[in-house]
Amino acid sequence: MRAAAMLLGFVASAEAYTMGAMPATGRRVSVQMGGMDTSKTYDYRTGSTPGYSGEKLPFSPSSRKMSLKGATGVKYEIIGDITSAITEAVAFYGKKAIASKGSFTLCIPGGSVVKAASTMKKDAMDWSKVHVFFANEKLNDMACYNGAQEFIKNVGIPEANVHKTMDGSYEKVAEDYAAKISELVPKNKHGVPSFDLVLLGTGDDGHVGSLYPNTPELINGYGTGKLVMPINSGGKGTVAISMDLMNAADAVVLSAVGAIRKDMVKATKEGHSSMPTGRTGGWMFGKFAQYLWPAGLVKTADPRNTIWLVDGPASPL
């Protein structure tokens, strides 16, 4: 059994990439897997990307180095400047939403992602029509809300348009925030609230928001229709939007920075549902295998609108 698991792990990780010459239209990437060779070309002049038959990308970071298609159909953009790519994404989807429906619903995390957004310009869009929600929040200290103040004040988003969580027990806060989202965010054809854009950072373990590998909050909020998950970790209450709510968004942009995230990016891109030996003591399979890389479960209805922004050190190549 152990030998079989090790063999499967070896086969799953045996992917080699070789770079070819730069043709006139773009960069050629040759991917060799299991003896198969599939060559894809990105055309810098037309904006086409590997695997999409020359279709124009909905969002093209100006600092792109390469565009790759993941196993689940989502896109991985290898870029040189994460901050500018995040601001370009917010501007693109924001202006698109405001033009089509008169408002823009933006769901943000804390940390470096919202810090990047704080560099945006006041003329990037009509900020009075932007509504901000939070992908996760620590109760009592309101870390994500407080961390977003620089962004909110720099661009001039009205305070009435900033929808923070309320006080109370983590179960009650999660229930109230789900009700607020249901009331304020337009629903998709399945009746699920659909943010225009969700921004997410990623951890080296693949966590997004406050959804960590193989936890009840991830598992119980995937495919169940729940919107906001209550979390009690180490006696500290947290709430987080569910994986279902993330995937109901029109677009999701994830960022991955630094060599520490390279293994995670590679695993999610290849569609792996298990962790390498060094992380778990062996390859894991079975009922909960799919929950070991939460970021790999993020996928919008149109996978082309799930975009990873990856810097050089985190690149799977």
C-alpha atoms as a PDB file:
ATOM      1  CA  MET A   1       0.000   0.000   0.000  1.00  0.00           C
ATOM      2  CA  ARG A   2       2.768   2.405   0.974  1.00  0.00           C
ATOM      3  CA  ALA A   3       4.786   1.552  -2.130  1.00  0.00           C
ATOM      4  CA  ALA A   4       1.727   2.120  -4.325  1.00  0.00           C
ATOM      5  CA  ALA A   5       1.116   5.503  -2.712  1.00  0.00           C
ATOM      6  CA  MET A   6       4.720   6.535  -3.235  1.00  0.00           C
ATOM      7  CA  LEU A   7       4.556   5.444  -6.875  1.00  0.00           C
ATOM      8  CA  LEU A   8       1.371   7.428  -7.464  1.00  0.00           C
ATOM      9  CA  GLY A   9       2.964  10.447  -5.811  1.00  0.00           C
ATOM     10  CA  PHE A  10       5.988  10.162  -8.055  1.00  0.00           C
ATOM     11  CA  VAL A  11       3.863   9.896 -11.203  1.00  0.00           C
ATOM     12  CA  ALA A  12       1.696  12.852 -10.178  1.00  0.00           C
ATOM     13  CA  SER A  13       4.714  15.070  -9.644  1.00  0.00           C
ATOM     14  CA  ALA A  14       6.692  14.003 -12.721  1.00  0.00           C
ATOM     15  CA  GLU A  15       6.162  17.023 -14.943  1.00  0.00           C
ATOM     16  CA  ALA A  16       9.010  18.731 -16.740  1.00  0.00           C
ATOM     17  CA  TYR A  17       8.879  22.086 -18.461  1.00  0.00           C
ATOM     18  CA  THR A  18      11.180  23.173 -21.263  1.00  0.00           C
ATOM     19  CA  MET A  19      11.325  26.624 -22.789  1.00  0.00           C
ATOM     20  CA  GLY A  20      11.640  27.018 -26.540  1.00  0.00           C
ATOM     21  CA  ALA A  21      12.664  29.972 -28.619  1.00  0.00           C
ATOM     22  CA  MET A  22      10.641  33.194 -28.707  1.00  0.00           C
ATOM     23  CA  PRO A  23       8.729  33.234 -32.021  1.00  0.00           C
ATOM     24  CA  ALA A  24       7.584  36.393 -33.738  1.00  0.00           C
ATOM     25  CA  THR A  25       4.130  36.275 -32.147  1.00  0.00           C
ATOM     26  CA  GLY A  26       5.044  35.345 -28.602  1.00  0.00           C
ATOM     27  CA  ARG A  27       6.690  32.887 -26.281  1.00  0.00           C
ATOM     28  CA  ARG A  28       6.413  29.160 -26.885  1.00  0.00           C
ATOM     29  CA  VAL A  29       6.019  26.891 -23.898  1.00  0.00           C
ATOM     30  CA  SER A  30       6.487  23.157 -24.318  1.00  0.00           C
ATOM     31  CA  VAL A  31       4.957  21.043 -21.558  1.00  0.00           C
ATOM     32  CA  GLN A  32       5.902  17.382 -21.318  1.00  0.00           C
ATOM     33  CA  MET A  33       3.706  15.090 -19.205  1.00  0.00           C
ATOM     34  CA  GLY A  34       3.748  11.323 -19.305  1.00  0.00           C
ATOM     35  CA  GLY A  35       5.418  11.269 -22.705  1.00  0.00           C
ATOM     36  CA  MET A  36       2.906  13.721 -24.185  1.00  0.00           C
ATOM     37  CA  ASP A  37       4.097  17.037 -25.576  1.00  0.00           C
ATOM     38  CA  THR A  38       1.648  19.905 -25.857  1.00  0.00           C
ATOM     39  CA  SER A  39       2.978  23.211 -27.203  1.00  0.00           C
ATOM     40  CA  LYS A  40       1.136  26.418 -26.532  1.00  0.00           C
ATOM     41  CA  THR A  41       1.919  29.951 -27.629  1.00  0.00           C
ATOM     42  CA  TYR A  42       0.993  33.241 -26.017  1.00  0.00           C
ATOM     43  CA  ASP A  43       0.595  36.073 -28.516  1.00  0.00           C
ATOM     44  CA  TYR A  44       1.588  39.378 -26.946  1.00  0.00           C
ATOM     45  CA  ARG A  45       0.027  41.364 -29.818  1.00  0.00           C
ATOM     46  CA  THR A  46      -3.478  39.863 -29.794  1.00  0.00           C
ATOM     47  CA  GLY A  47      -3.779  39.047 -26.098  1.00  0.00           C
ATOM     48  CA  SER A  48      -4.504  35.358 -26.725  1.00  0.00           C
ATOM     49  CA  THR A  49      -3.470  32.837 -24.111  1.00  0.00           C
ATOM     50  CA  PRO A  50      -2.564  29.112 -24.049  1.00  0.00           C
ATOM     51  CA  GLY A  51      -5.590  26.864 -24.334  1.00  0.00           C
ATOM     52  CA  TYR A  52      -8.147  29.517 -25.256  1.00  0.00           C
ATOM     53  CA  SER A  53      -8.084  29.417 -29.060  1.00  0.00           C
ATOM     54  CA  GLY A  54      -7.029  33.024 -29.475  1.00  0.00           C
ATOM     55  CA  GLU A  55      -9.826  34.466 -27.319  1.00  0.00           C
ATOM     56  CA  LYS A  56      -9.137  37.882 -25.866  1.00  0.00           C
ATOM     57  CA  LEU A  57      -8.418  37.756 -22.136  1.00  0.00           C
ATOM     58  CA  PRO A  58     -10.921  39.625 -19.951  1.00  0.00           C
ATOM     59  CA  PHE A  59      -8.020  41.122 -18.012  1.00  0.00           C
ATOM     60  CA  SER A  60      -4.384  41.329 -19.145  1.00  0.00           C
ATOM     61  CA  PRO A  61      -1.793  42.519 -16.582  1.00  0.00           C
ATOM     62  CA  SER A  62       0.619  44.997 -18.155  1.00  0.00           C
ATOM     63  CA  SER A  63       3.568  43.309 -16.423  1.00  0.00           C
ATOM     64  CA  ARG A  64       2.704  39.830 -17.753  1.00  0.00           C
ATOM     65  CA  LYS A  65       5.630  37.560 -18.547  1.00  0.00           C
ATOM     66  CA  MET A  66       3.610  34.483 -19.455  1.00  0.00           C
ATOM     67  CA  SER A  67       0.064  33.103 -19.334  1.00  0.00           C
ATOM     68  CA  LEU A  68      -0.655  29.464 -18.478  1.00  0.00           C
ATOM     69  CA  LYS A  69      -3.845  27.431 -18.264  1.00  0.00           C
ATOM     70  CA  GLY A  70      -4.404  25.332 -15.145  1.00  0.00           C
ATOM     71  CA  ALA A  71      -5.824  21.820 -15.124  1.00  0.00           C
ATOM     72  CA  THR A  72      -9.248  23.107 -14.014  1.00  0.00           C
ATOM     73  CA  GLY A  73      -9.358  25.782 -16.728  1.00  0.00           C
ATOM     74  CA  VAL A  74      -8.372  28.775 -14.579  1.00  0.00           C
ATOM     75  CA  LYS A  75      -5.538  31.071 -15.707  1.00  0.00           C
ATOM     76  CA  TYR A  76      -2.122  31.590 -14.151  1.00  0.00           C
ATOM     77  CA  GLU A  77      -0.530  34.907 -15.077  1.00  0.00           C
ATOM     78  CA  ILE A  78       3.206  35.015 -14.390  1.00  0.00           C
ATOM     79  CA  ILE A  79       3.885  38.715 -13.848  1.00  0.00           C
ATOM     80  CA  GLY A  80       6.571  41.109 -12.742  1.00  0.00           C
ATOM     81  CA  ASP A  81       4.582  43.510 -10.560  1.00  0.00           C
ATOM     82  CA  ILE A  82       1.858  42.120  -8.289  1.00  0.00           C
ATOM     83  CA  THR A  83       0.760  45.526  -6.998  1.00  0.00           C
ATOM     84  CA  SER A  84       0.100  47.033 -10.420  1.00  0.00           C
ATOM     85  CA  ALA A  85      -1.615  43.832 -11.598  1.00  0.00           C
ATOM     86  CA  ILE A  86      -4.010  43.916  -8.638  1.00  0.00           C
ATOM     87  CA  THR A  87      -4.874  47.561  -9.222  1.00  0.00           C
ATOM     88  CA  GLU A  88      -5.371  46.907 -12.943  1.00  0.00           C
ATOM     89  CA  ALA A  89      -7.723  44.025 -12.136  1.00  0.00           C
ATOM     90  CA  VAL A  90      -9.817  46.142  -9.756  1.00  0.00           C
ATOM     91  CA  ALA A  91      -9.985  48.968 -12.306  1.00  0.00           C
ATOM     92  CA  PHE A  92     -10.961  46.640 -15.157  1.00  0.00           C
ATOM     93  CA  TYR A  93     -13.742  44.780 -13.356  1.00  0.00           C
ATOM     94  CA  GLY A  94     -14.876  47.911 -11.513  1.00  0.00           C
ATOM     95  CA  LYS A  95     -15.381  50.002 -14.643  1.00  0.00           C
ATOM     96  CA  LYS A  96     -17.013  47.055 -16.397  1.00  0.00           C
ATOM     97  CA  ALA A  97     -19.548  46.525 -13.588  1.00  0.00           C
ATOM     98  CA  ILE A  98     -20.357  50.208 -13.188  1.00  0.00           C
ATOM     99  CA  ALA A  99     -20.887  50.587 -16.937  1.00  0.00           C
ATOM    100  CA  SER A 100     -23.197  47.578 -17.136  1.00  0.00           C
ATOM    101  CA  LYS A 101     -25.160  47.767 -13.891  1.00  0.00           C
ATOM    102  CA  GLY A 102     -24.348  51.074 -12.187  1.00  0.00           C
ATOM    103  CA  SER A 103     -22.427  49.681  -9.216  1.00  0.00           C
ATOM    104  CA  PHE A 104     -19.437  47.504  -8.335  1.00  0.00           C
ATOM    105  CA  THR A 105     -19.405  44.966  -5.494  1.00  0.00           C
ATOM    106  CA  LEU A 106     -15.843  44.254  -4.364  1.00  0.00           C
ATOM    107  CA  CYS A 107     -14.928  41.663  -1.731  1.00  0.00           C
ATOM    108  CA  ILE A 108     -11.475  42.110  -0.210  1.00  0.00           C
ATOM    109  CA  PRO A 109      -9.200  40.242   2.214  1.00  0.00           C
ATOM    110  CA  GLY A 110      -6.715  41.796   4.602  1.00  0.00           C
ATOM    111  CA  GLY A 111      -2.935  41.956   4.367  1.00  0.00           C
ATOM    112  CA  SER A 112      -0.796  42.679   1.326  1.00  0.00           C
ATOM    113  CA  VAL A 113      -3.644  42.453  -1.204  1.00  0.00           C
ATOM    114  CA  VAL A 114      -5.617  45.346   0.225  1.00  0.00           C
ATOM    115  CA  LYS A 115      -2.352  47.229   0.763  1.00  0.00           C
ATOM    116  CA  ALA A 116      -1.753  46.936  -2.983  1.00  0.00           C
ATOM    117  CA  ALA A 117      -5.280  48.223  -3.646  1.00  0.00           C
ATOM    118  CA  SER A 118      -4.532  51.274  -1.493  1.00  0.00           C
ATOM    119  CA  THR A 119      -2.213  52.543  -4.255  1.00  0.00           C
ATOM    120  CA  MET A 120      -5.147  52.999  -6.639  1.00  0.00           C
ATOM    121  CA  LYS A 121      -5.952  56.438  -8.063  1.00  0.00           C
ATOM    122  CA  LYS A 122      -9.114  58.421  -7.430  1.00  0.00           C
ATOM    123  CA  ASP A 123      -9.790  58.639 -11.155  1.00  0.00           C
ATOM    124  CA  ALA A 124      -9.629  54.850 -11.689  1.00  0.00           C
ATOM    125  CA  MET A 125     -13.448  54.687 -11.538  1.00  0.00           C
ATOM    126  CA  ASP A 126     -16.469  56.300  -9.895  1.00  0.00           C
ATOM    127  CA  TRP A 127     -15.719  55.192  -6.332  1.00  0.00           C
ATOM    128  CA  SER A 128     -19.085  56.464  -5.066  1.00  0.00           C
ATOM    129  CA  LYS A 129     -20.600  53.450  -6.841  1.00  0.00           C
ATOM    130  CA  VAL A 130     -18.281  50.896  -5.220  1.00  0.00           C
ATOM    131  CA  HIS A 131     -19.517  48.674  -2.392  1.00  0.00           C
ATOM    132  CA  VAL A 132     -16.876  46.933  -0.268  1.00  0.00           C
ATOM    133  CA  PHE A 133     -17.331  43.631   1.586  1.00  0.00           C
ATOM    134  CA  PHE A 134     -14.819  41.495   3.485  1.00  0.00           C
ATOM    135  CA  ALA A 135     -13.717  37.952   2.696  1.00  0.00           C
ATOM    136  CA  ASN A 136     -12.905  37.316   6.335  1.00  0.00           C
ATOM    137  CA  GLU A 137     -12.790  39.188   9.617  1.00  0.00           C
ATOM    138  CA  LYS A 138     -11.418  38.652  13.100  1.00  0.00           C
ATOM    139  CA  LEU A 139     -14.017  39.582  15.641  1.00  0.00           C
ATOM    140  CA  ASN A 140     -13.396  42.199  18.321  1.00  0.00           C
ATOM    141  CA  ASP A 141     -10.301  43.744  16.688  1.00  0.00           C
ATOM    142  CA  MET A 142     -11.834  44.175  13.172  1.00  0.00           C
ATOM    143  CA  ALA A 143      -8.380  43.714  11.623  1.00  0.00           C
ATOM    144  CA  CYS A 144      -9.528  43.509   7.984  1.00  0.00           C
ATOM    145  CA  TYR A 145     -11.848  46.514   8.228  1.00  0.00           C
ATOM    146  CA  ASN A 146      -9.177  48.597   9.953  1.00  0.00           C
ATOM    147  CA  GLY A 147      -6.527  47.436   7.498  1.00  0.00           C
ATOM    148  CA  ALA A 148      -8.683  48.591   4.585  1.00  0.00           C
ATOM    149  CA  GLN A 149      -9.044  52.171   5.802  1.00  0.00           C
ATOM    150  CA  GLU A 150      -6.074  53.459   3.809  1.00  0.00           C
ATOM    151  CA  PHE A 151      -7.571  52.051   0.599  1.00  0.00           C
ATOM    152  CA  ILE A 152     -11.079  53.277   1.386  1.00  0.00           C
ATOM    153  CA  LYS A 153     -10.008  56.803   2.344  1.00  0.00           C
ATOM    154  CA  ASN A 154      -7.409  57.231  -0.401  1.00  0.00           C
ATOM    155  CA  VAL A 155      -9.924  56.653  -3.180  1.00  0.00           C
ATOM    156  CA  GLY A 156     -12.928  58.139  -1.386  1.00  0.00           C
ATOM    157  CA  ILE A 157     -15.349  55.221  -1.027  1.00  0.00           C
ATOM    158  CA  PRO A 158     -18.341  56.456   1.023  1.00  0.00           C
ATOM    159  CA  GLU A 159     -18.460  54.935   4.497  1.00  0.00           C
ATOM    160  CA  ALA A 160     -22.067  53.902   3.860  1.00  0.00           C
ATOM    161  CA  ASN A 161     -20.749  51.672   1.050  1.00  0.00           C
ATOM    162  CA  VAL A 162     -18.323  49.815   3.321  1.00  0.00           C
ATOM    163  CA  HIS A 163     -20.154  46.785   4.688  1.00  0.00           C
ATOM    164  CA  LYS A 164     -18.354  45.484   7.749  1.00  0.00           C
ATOM    165  CA  THR A 165     -19.347  42.726  10.147  1.00  0.00           C
ATOM    166  CA  MET A 166     -21.223  43.500  13.357  1.00  0.00           C
ATOM    167  CA  ASP A 167     -20.486  42.605  16.980  1.00  0.00           C
ATOM    168  CA  GLY A 168     -21.616  39.416  18.676  1.00  0.00           C
ATOM    169  CA  SER A 169     -20.749  35.721  18.879  1.00  0.00           C
ATOM    170  CA  TYR A 170     -19.006  34.328  15.826  1.00  0.00           C
ATOM    171  CA  GLU A 171     -22.075  32.217  14.972  1.00  0.00           C
ATOM    172  CA  LYS A 172     -24.396  35.253  15.143  1.00  0.00           C
ATOM    173  CA  VAL A 173     -21.963  37.481  13.251  1.00  0.00           C
ATOM    174  CA  ALA A 174     -21.692  34.894  10.453  1.00  0.00           C
ATOM    175  CA  GLU A 175     -25.482  34.627  10.253  1.00  0.00           C
ATOM    176  CA  ASP A 176     -25.943  38.415  10.192  1.00  0.00           C
ATOM    177  CA  TYR A 177     -23.218  38.937   7.580  1.00  0.00           C
ATOM    178  CA  ALA A 178     -24.719  36.263   5.330  1.00  0.00           C
ATOM    179  CA  ALA A 179     -28.070  38.056   5.591  1.00  0.00           C
ATOM    180  CA  LYS A 180     -26.442  41.408   4.755  1.00  0.00           C
ATOM    181  CA  ILE A 181     -24.695  39.958   1.708  1.00  0.00           C
ATOM    182  CA  SER A 182     -27.928  38.319   0.545  1.00  0.00           C
ATOM    183  CA  GLU A 183     -29.737  41.629   0.839  1.00  0.00           C
ATOM    184  CA  LEU A 184     -27.147  43.883  -0.813  1.00  0.00           C
ATOM    185  CA  VAL A 185     -25.329  41.774  -3.416  1.00  0.00           C
ATOM    186  CA  PRO A 186     -27.149  40.937  -6.664  1.00  0.00           C
ATOM    187  CA  LYS A 187     -27.790  37.220  -7.144  1.00  0.00           C
ATOM    188  CA  ASN A 188     -26.785  35.009 -10.052  1.00  0.00           C
ATOM    189  CA  LYS A 189     -29.150  32.736 -11.965  1.00  0.00           C
ATOM    190  CA  HIS A 190     -28.880  30.146  -9.173  1.00  0.00           C
ATOM    191  CA  GLY A 191     -30.060  32.634  -6.562  1.00  0.00           C
ATOM    192  CA  VAL A 192     -26.622  32.976  -4.925  1.00  0.00           C
ATOM    193  CA  PRO A 193     -25.171  36.437  -4.200  1.00  0.00           C
ATOM    194  CA  SER A 194     -22.509  37.153  -6.807  1.00  0.00           C
ATOM    195  CA  PHE A 195     -19.760  39.705  -6.116  1.00  0.00           C
ATOM    196  CA  ASP A 196     -18.405  41.439  -9.202  1.00  0.00           C
ATOM    197  CA  LEU A 197     -14.873  40.759  -7.964  1.00  0.00           C
ATOM    198  CA  VAL A 198     -13.318  38.852  -5.073  1.00  0.00           C
ATOM    199  CA  LEU A 199      -9.654  39.522  -4.282  1.00  0.00           C
ATOM    200  CA  LEU A 200      -7.805  36.779  -2.421  1.00  0.00           C
ATOM    201  CA  GLY A 201      -4.306  36.307  -1.106  1.00  0.00           C
ATOM    202  CA  THR A 202      -2.980  32.764  -0.709  1.00  0.00           C
ATOM    203  CA  GLY A 203      -0.895  31.049   1.943  1.00  0.00           C
ATOM    204  CA  ASP A 204       1.868  28.553   1.249  1.00  0.00           C
ATOM    205  CA  ASP A 205      -0.547  25.907   2.593  1.00  0.00           C
ATOM    206  CA  GLY A 206      -3.131  27.038   0.033  1.00  0.00           C
ATOM    207  CA  HIS A 207      -5.478  28.790   2.437  1.00  0.00           C
ATOM    208  CA  VAL A 208      -7.668  31.610   1.116  1.00  0.00           C
ATOM    209  CA  GLY A 209      -9.475  34.063   3.359  1.00  0.00           C
ATOM    210  CA  SER A 210      -9.776  32.098   6.590  1.00  0.00           C
ATOM    211  CA  LEU A 211     -10.448  28.769   4.882  1.00  0.00           C
ATOM    212  CA  TYR A 212      -7.580  26.453   5.793  1.00  0.00           C
ATOM    213  CA  PRO A 213      -6.802  22.937   4.522  1.00  0.00           C
ATOM    214  CA  ASN A 214      -9.095  20.139   5.657  1.00  0.00           C
ATOM    215  CA  THR A 215     -11.026  22.235   8.179  1.00  0.00           C
ATOM    216  CA  PRO A 216     -14.760  22.023   8.952  1.00  0.00           C
ATOM    217  CA  GLU A 217     -15.259  25.591   7.688  1.00  0.00           C
ATOM    218  CA  LEU A 218     -13.885  24.649   4.274  1.00  0.00           C
ATOM    219  CA  ILE A 219     -15.606  21.273   4.005  1.00  0.00           C
ATOM    220  CA  ASN A 220     -18.997  22.373   5.358  1.00  0.00           C
ATOM    221  CA  GLY A 221     -19.068  25.427   3.121  1.00  0.00           C
ATOM    222  CA  TYR A 222     -18.274  23.662  -0.143  1.00  0.00           C
ATOM    223  CA  GLY A 223     -21.241  22.573  -2.219  1.00  0.00           C
ATOM    224  CA  THR A 224     -23.668  23.255   0.621  1.00  0.00           C
ATOM    225  CA  GLY A 225     -24.989  26.692  -0.311  1.00  0.00           C
ATOM    226  CA  LYS A 226     -23.764  28.290   2.927  1.00  0.00           C
ATOM    227  CA  LEU A 227     -22.523  31.855   2.485  1.00  0.00           C
ATOM    228  CA  VAL A 228     -20.523  32.798   5.585  1.00  0.00           C
ATOM    229  CA  MET A 229     -18.743  30.389   7.897  1.00  0.00           C
ATOM    230  CA  PRO A 230     -18.318  30.906  11.664  1.00  0.00           C
ATOM    231  CA  ILE A 231     -14.855  29.887  12.883  1.00  0.00           C
ATOM    232  CA  ASN A 232     -13.667  29.336  16.436  1.00  0.00           C
ATOM    233  CA  SER A 233      -9.928  28.735  16.302  1.00  0.00           C
ATOM    234  CA  GLY A 234      -7.870  28.860  19.472  1.00  0.00           C
ATOM    235  CA  GLY A 235     -10.670  30.644  21.276  1.00  0.00           C
ATOM    236  CA  LYS A 236     -10.632  33.525  18.751  1.00  0.00           C
ATOM    237  CA  GLY A 237     -13.774  34.095  16.737  1.00  0.00           C
ATOM    238  CA  THR A 238     -13.519  34.659  12.984  1.00  0.00           C
ATOM    239  CA  VAL A 239     -15.973  34.691  10.118  1.00  0.00           C
ATOM    240  CA  ALA A 240     -15.171  33.980   6.469  1.00  0.00           C
ATOM    241  CA  ILE A 241     -17.090  33.837   3.232  1.00  0.00           C
ATOM    242  CA  SER A 242     -17.529  30.252   2.066  1.00  0.00           C
ATOM    243  CA  MET A 243     -15.944  28.573  -0.922  1.00  0.00           C
ATOM    244  CA  ASP A 244     -19.400  28.510  -2.525  1.00  0.00           C
ATOM    245  CA  LEU A 245     -19.682  32.294  -2.202  1.00  0.00           C
ATOM    246  CA  MET A 246     -16.178  32.773  -3.617  1.00  0.00           C
ATOM    247  CA  ASN A 247     -17.031  30.615  -6.616  1.00  0.00           C
ATOM    248  CA  ALA A 248     -20.332  32.415  -7.217  1.00  0.00           C
ATOM    249  CA  ALA A 249     -18.458  35.658  -7.968  1.00  0.00           C
ATOM    250  CA  ASP A 250     -18.290  37.001 -11.516  1.00  0.00           C
ATOM    251  CA  ALA A 251     -14.506  37.130 -11.157  1.00  0.00           C
ATOM    252  CA  VAL A 252     -11.889  36.069  -8.614  1.00  0.00           C
ATOM    253  CA  VAL A 253      -8.275  37.258  -8.620  1.00  0.00           C
ATOM    254  CA  LEU A 254      -5.808  35.360  -6.435  1.00  0.00           C
ATOM    255  CA  SER A 255      -2.221  36.416  -5.766  1.00  0.00           C
ATOM    256  CA  ALA A 256       0.789  34.272  -4.891  1.00  0.00           C
ATOM    257  CA  VAL A 257       4.130  35.864  -4.047  1.00  0.00           C
ATOM    258  CA  GLY A 258       7.469  34.335  -3.110  1.00  0.00           C
ATOM    259  CA  ALA A 259       9.256  31.008  -3.470  1.00  0.00           C
ATOM    260  CA  ILE A 260       7.493  29.690  -0.351  1.00  0.00           C
ATOM    261  CA  ARG A 261       4.300  29.448  -2.440  1.00  0.00           C
ATOM    262  CA  LYS A 262       5.843  27.745  -5.462  1.00  0.00           C
ATOM    263  CA  ASP A 263       4.853  24.181  -4.449  1.00  0.00           C
ATOM    264  CA  MET A 264       1.312  25.333  -3.701  1.00  0.00           C
ATOM    265  CA  VAL A 265       0.966  27.130  -7.039  1.00  0.00           C
ATOM    266  CA  LYS A 266       2.327  24.116  -8.921  1.00  0.00           C
ATOM    267  CA  ALA A 267      -0.054  21.735  -7.137  1.00  0.00           C
ATOM    268  CA  THR A 268      -3.149  23.858  -7.761  1.00  0.00           C
ATOM    269  CA  LYS A 269      -2.195  24.487 -11.395  1.00  0.00           C
ATOM    270  CA  GLU A 270      -1.798  20.759 -12.037  1.00  0.00           C
ATOM    271  CA  GLY A 271      -5.059  19.932 -10.278  1.00  0.00           C
ATOM    272  CA  HIS A 272      -3.432  17.829  -7.572  1.00  0.00           C
ATOM    273  CA  SER A 273      -5.622  16.917  -4.618  1.00  0.00           C
ATOM    274  CA  SER A 274      -2.876  15.610  -2.344  1.00  0.00           C
ATOM    275  CA  MET A 275       0.144  17.011  -0.561  1.00  0.00           C
ATOM    276  CA  PRO A 276       3.748  15.905  -1.113  1.00  0.00           C
ATOM    277  CA  THR A 277       5.520  13.671   1.393  1.00  0.00           C
ATOM    278  CA  GLY A 278       7.353  16.513   3.104  1.00  0.00           C
ATOM    279  CA  ARG A 279       4.070  18.147   4.150  1.00  0.00           C
ATOM    280  CA  THR A 280       2.007  15.195   5.360  1.00  0.00           C
ATOM    281  CA  GLY A 281       4.310  12.211   5.883  1.00  0.00           C
ATOM    282  CA  GLY A 282       2.946  10.556   2.743  1.00  0.00           C
ATOM    283  CA  TRP A 283       0.528  11.096  -0.135  1.00  0.00           C
ATOM    284  CA  MET A 284      -3.080  11.407   1.059  1.00  0.00           C
ATOM    285  CA  PHE A 285      -6.078  10.097  -0.827  1.00  0.00           C
ATOM    286  CA  GLY A 286      -9.718   9.427  -0.025  1.00  0.00           C
ATOM    287  CA  LYS A 287     -12.708  11.378   1.168  1.00  0.00           C
ATOM    288  CA  PHE A 288     -10.974  14.596   2.194  1.00  0.00           C
ATOM    289  CA  ALA A 289      -8.139  14.695  -0.351  1.00  0.00           C
ATOM    290  CA  GLN A 290      -9.737  17.536  -2.339  1.00  0.00           C
ATOM    291  CA  TYR A 291      -9.687  19.824   0.685  1.00  0.00           C
ATOM    292  CA  LEU A 292      -5.897  19.848   1.113  1.00  0.00           C
ATOM    293  CA  TRP A 293      -5.320  22.833  -1.210  1.00  0.00           C
ATOM    294  CA  PRO A 294      -8.247  25.253  -0.635  1.00  0.00           C
ATOM    295  CA  ALA A 295      -7.012  27.731  -3.273  1.00  0.00           C
ATOM    296  CA  GLY A 296      -7.250  24.960  -5.855  1.00  0.00           C
ATOM    297  CA  LEU A 297     -11.010  24.787  -5.289  1.00  0.00           C
ATOM    298  CA  VAL A 298     -11.554  28.406  -6.337  1.00  0.00           C
ATOM    299  CA  LYS A 299     -13.216  28.434  -9.741  1.00  0.00           C
ATOM    300  CA  THR A 300     -15.832  30.813 -11.123  1.00  0.00           C
ATOM    301  CA  ALA A 301     -18.578  29.673 -13.483  1.00  0.00           C
ATOM    302  CA  ASP A 302     -16.461  30.947 -16.371  1.00  0.00           C
ATOM    303  CA  PRO A 303     -12.973  29.689 -15.428  1.00  0.00           C
ATOM    304  CA  ARG A 304     -11.357  32.429 -17.516  1.00  0.00           C
ATOM    305  CA  ASN A 305     -12.503  34.839 -14.812  1.00  0.00           C
ATOM    306  CA  THR A 306     -10.521  33.003 -12.146  1.00  0.00           C
ATOM    307  CA  ILE A 307      -7.080  34.550 -12.490  1.00  0.00           C
ATOM    308  CA  TRP A 308      -3.931  33.820 -10.495  1.00  0.00           C
ATOM    309  CA  LEU A 309      -1.325  36.586 -10.331  1.00  0.00           C
ATOM    310  CA  VAL A 310       1.980  34.862  -9.664  1.00  0.00           C
ATOM    311  CA  ASP A 311       5.417  36.479  -9.344  1.00  0.00           C
ATOM    312  CA  GLY A 312       8.619  34.912 -10.663  1.00  0.00           C
ATOM    313  CA  PRO A 313       9.750  33.121  -7.481  1.00  0.00           C
ATOM    314  CA  ALA A 314       6.300  31.523  -7.044  1.00  0.00           C
ATOM    315  CA  SER A 315       6.048  30.502 -10.693  1.00  0.00           C
ATOM    316  CA  PRO A 316       5.538  26.770 -11.315  1.00  0.00           C
ATOM    317  CA  LEU A 317       7.985  26.885 -14.263  1.00  0.00           C
END
